[in-house]
Amino acid sequence: MTGLIQYYVFIALFLVGFALEVWALADALRRPAGAYVTAEKRTKQFWIAILAAGALFGYLSVPRFAIFGVAFGFGLPLLIGLIAVLPAAIYLADVKPEVIRFTPRRPGTGSGPTGRW
C-alpha cells in the first residue's frame, strides 16, 4: 500500500515538472526576440531549443501509469526527467524576469502611472 502511494506521488511530481516545462516554453515563445538580446540572456532561438528539448525529455520520462485501463507515459530513466526540469527552472528564475523588464508594453494595457487609470 505504501509503495502504491509513493508511486502515485512520484508520478504527480513528474507531471508537475512537465507542466513547469510547458509553461516555461510557452512563455519563451510569446516574448519578443529583441528582449532576450537586450537583457543579455542568449537568444530566443537558444532558449526555445533548450526548453523544447527539456519538455520533450520531461514528457518521455513520466513513469508509466494507467487511468481506467489507458496507459500513459514512456518511462525513460528518472534522472533524465530530473535533469529536464533544470532549463525550465533556470528560465523562469533568471531569464524571464530580465526579459520582462525589456519587453515593450502596449499602450493602454496597464493600470497606474504608466497606463490608464
Protein backbone atom coordinates (compact mmCIF):
# COMPACT_ATOMS: atom_id res chain seq x y z
CA MET A 1 0.00 0.00 0.00
CA THR A 2 2.79 2.43 0.89
CA GLY A 3 4.58 1.61 -2.34
CA LEU A 4 1.47 2.43 -4.35
CA ILE A 5 1.11 5.81 -2.63
CA GLN A 6 4.78 6.58 -3.28
CA TYR A 7 4.35 5.58 -6.90
CA TYR A 8 1.45 7.99 -7.46
CA VAL A 9 3.21 10.80 -5.62
CA PHE A 10 6.20 10.19 -7.87
CA ILE A 11 4.00 10.36 -10.98
CA ALA A 12 2.41 13.57 -9.70
CA LEU A 13 5.84 15.15 -9.21
CA PHE A 14 6.87 14.28 -12.74
CA LEU A 15 3.61 15.67 -14.14
CA VAL A 16 4.17 18.91 -12.21
CA GLY A 17 7.69 19.06 -13.64
CA PHE A 18 6.33 18.56 -17.15
CA ALA A 19 3.74 21.31 -16.60
CA LEU A 20 6.55 23.62 -15.47
CA GLU A 21 8.50 22.84 -18.63
CA VAL A 22 5.49 23.55 -20.87
CA TRP A 23 4.81 26.81 -19.01
CA ALA A 24 8.40 27.99 -19.50
CA LEU A 25 8.31 27.05 -23.19
CA ALA A 26 5.00 28.87 -23.76
CA ASP A 27 6.32 31.97 -22.01
CA ALA A 28 9.54 31.94 -24.03
CA LEU A 29 7.56 31.71 -27.26
CA ARG A 30 5.48 34.79 -26.52
CA ARG A 31 8.39 37.11 -25.62
CA PRO A 32 9.95 39.21 -28.42
CA ALA A 33 13.37 38.15 -29.68
CA GLY A 34 14.87 41.60 -29.14
CA ALA A 35 14.15 41.48 -25.41
CA TYR A 36 16.47 38.47 -24.98
CA VAL A 37 19.36 40.23 -26.67
CA THR A 38 18.76 43.47 -24.78
CA ALA A 39 18.63 41.57 -21.48
CA GLU A 40 21.89 39.79 -22.44
CA LYS A 41 20.34 36.34 -21.92
CA ARG A 42 21.41 34.49 -25.10
CA THR A 43 18.91 34.44 -27.98
CA LYS A 44 15.26 33.49 -28.20
CA GLN A 45 16.10 30.57 -30.52
CA PHE A 46 18.58 29.21 -27.96
CA TRP A 47 16.01 29.25 -25.17
CA ILE A 48 13.26 27.81 -27.36
CA ALA A 49 15.52 24.92 -28.37
CA ILE A 50 16.66 24.20 -24.80
CA LEU A 51 13.15 24.45 -23.35
CA ALA A 52 11.62 22.34 -26.15
CA ALA A 53 14.22 19.62 -25.58
CA GLY A 54 13.57 19.77 -21.84
CA ALA A 55 9.82 19.49 -22.38
CA LEU A 56 10.27 16.56 -24.76
CA PHE A 57 12.52 14.65 -22.37
CA GLY A 58 10.29 15.61 -19.45
CA TYR A 59 7.29 14.15 -21.26
CA LEU A 60 9.14 10.98 -22.19
CA SER A 61 10.41 10.45 -18.64
CA VAL A 62 7.00 10.47 -16.93
CA PRO A 63 6.72 6.97 -15.42
CA ARG A 64 4.19 4.61 -16.93
CA PHE A 65 0.80 4.68 -15.30
CA ALA A 66 -2.76 3.78 -16.22
CA ILE A 67 -6.07 5.52 -15.64
CA PHE A 68 -9.20 3.50 -16.36
CA GLY A 69 -7.13 0.97 -18.27
CA VAL A 70 -5.50 3.53 -20.58
CA ALA A 71 -1.71 3.58 -20.33
CA PHE A 72 0.24 6.85 -20.22
CA GLY A 73 3.93 7.67 -20.06
CA PHE A 74 7.05 6.15 -21.54
CA GLY A 75 9.28 5.79 -18.52
CA LEU A 76 12.75 6.90 -19.62
CA PRO A 77 15.34 6.77 -16.83
CA LEU A 78 14.20 9.00 -14.00
CA LEU A 79 17.40 11.02 -13.84
CA ILE A 80 16.63 12.34 -17.33
CA GLY A 81 13.30 13.66 -16.04
CA LEU A 82 15.01 15.44 -13.18
CA ILE A 83 17.60 16.98 -15.49
CA ALA A 84 14.87 18.02 -17.95
CA VAL A 85 13.36 20.38 -15.35
CA LEU A 86 16.59 22.37 -14.99
CA PRO A 87 16.27 24.52 -18.15
CA ALA A 88 12.71 25.47 -17.21
CA ALA A 89 13.76 26.36 -13.68
CA ILE A 90 16.68 28.46 -14.93
CA TYR A 91 14.48 30.21 -17.47
CA LEU A 92 11.69 31.00 -15.01
CA ALA A 93 14.01 32.10 -12.19
CA ASP A 94 16.70 34.01 -14.09
CA VAL A 95 15.86 34.72 -17.71
CA LYS A 96 12.14 35.53 -17.59
CA PRO A 97 12.37 38.38 -15.05
CA GLU A 98 15.08 40.09 -17.08
CA VAL A 99 13.32 39.59 -20.39
CA ILE A 100 10.09 41.01 -18.95
CA ARG A 101 11.95 44.19 -17.99
CA PHE A 102 12.89 44.74 -21.64
CA THR A 103 9.61 43.64 -23.20
CA PRO A 104 7.80 46.66 -24.64
CA ARG A 105 4.28 47.13 -23.34
CA ARG A 106 1.37 48.11 -25.49
CA PRO A 107 -0.14 51.43 -24.54
CA GLY A 108 -3.31 51.20 -22.50
CA THR A 109 -2.75 47.64 -21.24
CA GLY A 110 -1.71 48.50 -17.70
CA SER A 111 -3.21 50.49 -14.90
CA GLY A 112 -1.45 53.09 -12.84
CA PRO A 113 1.05 55.83 -13.67
CA THR A 114 2.36 54.10 -16.80
CA GLY A 115 -1.04 53.07 -18.13
CA ARG A 116 -4.62 54.15 -17.90
CA TRP A 117 -6.17 54.76 -14.51
